[in-house]
């Protein structure tokens, strides 16, 4: 699905109140900009039987006490089903998700530190990591002046927008 159509689906499926619709329209260019830098228009995300996305905790080799939680975005169904989480748990499914929807969901998922986008089918040893904080900063930079995100301010993007 082309990126403009993905963005329009996000806008169409957003809660139909003025603030949410305006916020979605304001962040759409940043989502599209990021999506254009990735190779695929959709990726496969592992999902539990309860429809939660599977998080993987990664430890820092130099500092084992430091951990980050990532979502893996696979380029093909075969790559997703070869992942250890998919193999170990028969309740885990690989679902196709448009790339802009993955980026949008990252904004709402406080428990996620990054998403790793595997770009080359069959190669799960190297991917493009997008940190949630970097995504938030890019969104903030692309918001028009009247949509500056501040807590309890008019134009504030609600934390539950996704």
Protein backbone atom coordinates (compact mmCIF):
# COMPACT_ATOMS: atom_id res chain seq x y z
CA UNK A 1 0.00 0.00 0.00
CA UNK A 2 1.40 3.39 -0.93
CA UNK A 3 2.41 5.76 1.88
CA UNK A 4 -0.21 8.43 1.17
CA UNK A 5 -2.95 5.79 1.43
CA UNK A 6 -1.45 4.51 4.70
CA UNK A 7 -1.46 8.03 6.14
CA UNK A 8 -5.05 8.59 5.01
CA UNK A 9 -6.11 5.36 6.75
CA UNK A 10 -4.48 6.57 9.98
CA UNK A 11 -6.35 9.87 9.72
CA UNK A 12 -9.65 8.19 8.80
CA UNK A 13 -9.39 5.75 11.72
CA UNK A 14 -8.42 8.37 14.31
CA UNK A 15 -11.03 9.39 16.88
CA UNK A 16 -13.26 11.95 15.21
CA UNK A 17 -12.61 14.95 17.42
CA UNK A 18 -11.01 18.18 16.27
CA UNK A 19 -7.79 17.91 18.27
CA UNK A 20 -6.97 14.33 17.28
CA UNK A 21 -7.71 14.91 13.60
CA UNK A 22 -5.57 18.07 13.58
CA UNK A 23 -2.76 16.27 15.42
CA UNK A 24 -2.85 13.38 12.94
CA UNK A 25 -2.70 15.75 9.99
CA UNK A 26 0.17 17.65 11.62
CA UNK A 27 2.35 14.59 12.23
CA UNK A 28 1.58 12.89 8.89
CA UNK A 29 4.49 14.54 6.99
CA UNK A 30 7.02 13.36 9.59
CA UNK A 31 5.64 9.81 9.51
CA UNK A 32 5.84 9.79 5.72
CA UNK A 33 9.39 11.20 5.75
CA UNK A 34 10.58 8.41 8.04
CA UNK A 35 8.68 5.72 6.12
CA UNK A 36 10.34 6.85 2.87
CA UNK A 37 13.74 6.15 4.43
CA UNK A 38 12.83 2.50 5.01
CA UNK A 39 12.84 -0.09 2.22
CA UNK A 40 9.42 -1.68 2.63
CA UNK A 41 5.88 -0.33 2.71
CA UNK A 42 4.87 -3.01 5.21
CA UNK A 43 6.65 -5.19 7.72
CA UNK A 44 5.64 -8.24 9.70
CA UNK A 45 5.27 -7.72 13.44
CA UNK A 46 5.00 -10.56 15.94
CA UNK A 47 1.79 -10.40 17.93
CA UNK A 48 0.55 -12.42 20.90
CA UNK A 49 -2.82 -14.12 21.08
CA UNK A 50 -4.04 -11.07 23.03
CA UNK A 51 -3.05 -8.85 20.06
CA UNK A 52 -0.10 -7.25 21.87
CA UNK A 53 3.08 -6.73 19.90
CA UNK A 54 5.95 -8.92 21.06
CA UNK A 55 8.70 -6.99 22.83
CA UNK A 56 12.25 -8.30 23.04
CA UNK A 57 14.47 -7.17 25.91
CA UNK A 58 18.06 -6.58 24.86
CA UNK A 59 20.89 -6.24 27.37
CA UNK A 60 23.86 -3.98 26.90
CA UNK A 61 26.99 -6.15 26.62
CA UNK A 62 29.21 -3.56 28.28
CA UNK A 63 26.67 -2.86 31.02
CA UNK A 64 24.44 -5.92 31.59
CA UNK A 65 22.18 -3.99 33.97
CA UNK A 66 21.05 -1.71 31.14
CA UNK A 67 18.23 -3.11 29.06
CA UNK A 68 16.11 -1.82 26.21
CA UNK A 69 12.84 -3.13 24.83
CA UNK A 70 12.53 -3.44 21.07
CA UNK A 71 10.01 -4.52 18.50
CA UNK A 72 11.31 -6.36 15.47
CA UNK A 73 9.84 -5.45 12.08
CA UNK A 74 10.51 -8.19 9.53
CA UNK A 75 10.51 -7.72 5.74
CA UNK A 76 8.88 -11.09 4.98
CA UNK A 77 6.58 -13.59 6.64
CA UNK A 78 9.34 -16.20 6.40
CA UNK A 79 11.75 -13.97 8.34
CA UNK A 80 9.14 -13.30 11.03
CA UNK A 81 8.27 -16.96 11.49
CA UNK A 82 11.97 -17.83 11.77
CA UNK A 83 12.34 -15.54 14.80
CA UNK A 84 12.94 -17.28 18.13
CA UNK A 85 9.79 -15.76 19.69
CA UNK A 86 7.65 -17.13 16.89
CA UNK A 87 9.20 -20.58 17.07
CA UNK A 88 9.02 -20.88 20.87
CA UNK A 89 5.41 -19.75 21.32
CA UNK A 90 2.69 -21.20 19.07
CA UNK A 91 0.35 -18.37 20.18
CA UNK A 92 2.58 -15.78 18.49
CA UNK A 93 1.47 -14.73 15.01
CA UNK A 94 3.23 -12.66 12.37
CA UNK A 95 0.93 -9.94 11.05
CA UNK A 96 1.57 -7.52 8.17
CA UNK A 97 1.49 -3.89 9.31
CA UNK A 98 1.89 -0.81 7.09
CA UNK A 99 5.13 0.99 7.91
CA UNK A 100 3.43 4.29 8.82
CA UNK A 101 1.18 2.42 11.26
CA UNK A 102 4.24 0.92 12.96
CA UNK A 103 5.75 4.38 13.35
CA UNK A 104 2.48 5.78 14.67
CA UNK A 105 2.07 2.95 17.19
CA UNK A 106 5.60 3.58 18.45
CA UNK A 107 4.45 7.01 19.62
CA UNK A 108 1.79 5.46 21.81
CA UNK A 109 3.78 2.56 23.22
CA UNK A 110 5.55 3.80 26.34
CA UNK A 111 7.03 0.35 26.92
CA UNK A 112 9.02 0.40 23.64
CA UNK A 113 12.47 1.94 23.38
CA UNK A 114 13.11 1.13 19.69
CA UNK A 115 11.94 -0.70 16.63
CA UNK A 116 14.47 -2.62 14.56
CA UNK A 117 13.50 -2.74 10.90
CA UNK A 118 15.14 -5.64 9.11
CA UNK A 119 15.52 -4.42 5.56
CA UNK A 120 17.01 -7.39 3.71
CA UNK A 121 14.96 -10.59 3.46
CA UNK A 122 16.88 -13.52 4.91
CA UNK A 123 19.30 -11.28 6.83
CA UNK A 124 18.30 -10.90 10.45
CA UNK A 125 21.78 -10.00 11.67
CA UNK A 126 21.56 -6.35 10.67
CA UNK A 127 18.69 -3.89 10.76
CA UNK A 128 17.84 -0.22 11.01
CA UNK A 129 17.06 0.83 14.57
CA UNK A 130 14.65 3.68 15.15
CA UNK A 131 14.56 4.89 18.72
CA UNK A 132 11.18 6.03 20.04
CA UNK A 133 12.81 9.17 21.44
CA UNK A 134 14.19 10.08 17.99
CA UNK A 135 10.76 9.55 16.45
CA UNK A 136 9.17 11.82 19.06
CA UNK A 137 11.80 14.49 18.45
CA UNK A 138 11.25 14.36 14.69
CA UNK A 139 7.49 14.64 15.15
CA UNK A 140 7.98 17.61 17.48
CA UNK A 141 10.26 19.32 14.97
CA UNK A 142 7.68 18.91 12.18
CA UNK A 143 4.72 20.24 14.12
CA UNK A 144 3.59 23.71 13.10
CA UNK A 145 4.05 26.43 15.71
CA UNK A 146 0.39 26.29 16.74
CA UNK A 147 0.69 22.53 17.44
CA UNK A 148 3.61 22.71 19.85
CA UNK A 149 3.25 19.74 22.14
CA UNK A 150 3.05 20.73 25.77
CA UNK A 151 1.19 18.90 28.46
CA UNK A 152 -2.23 20.42 29.17
CA UNK A 153 -1.85 22.90 26.31
CA UNK A 154 -4.23 23.44 23.38
CA UNK A 155 -3.04 21.35 20.43
CA UNK A 156 -1.36 18.82 22.74
CA UNK A 157 -1.15 15.38 21.15
CA UNK A 158 -2.95 13.07 23.55
CA UNK A 159 -0.81 10.19 24.86
CA UNK A 160 -3.53 7.73 23.84
CA UNK A 161 -3.80 8.95 20.24
CA UNK A 162 -2.99 5.53 18.77
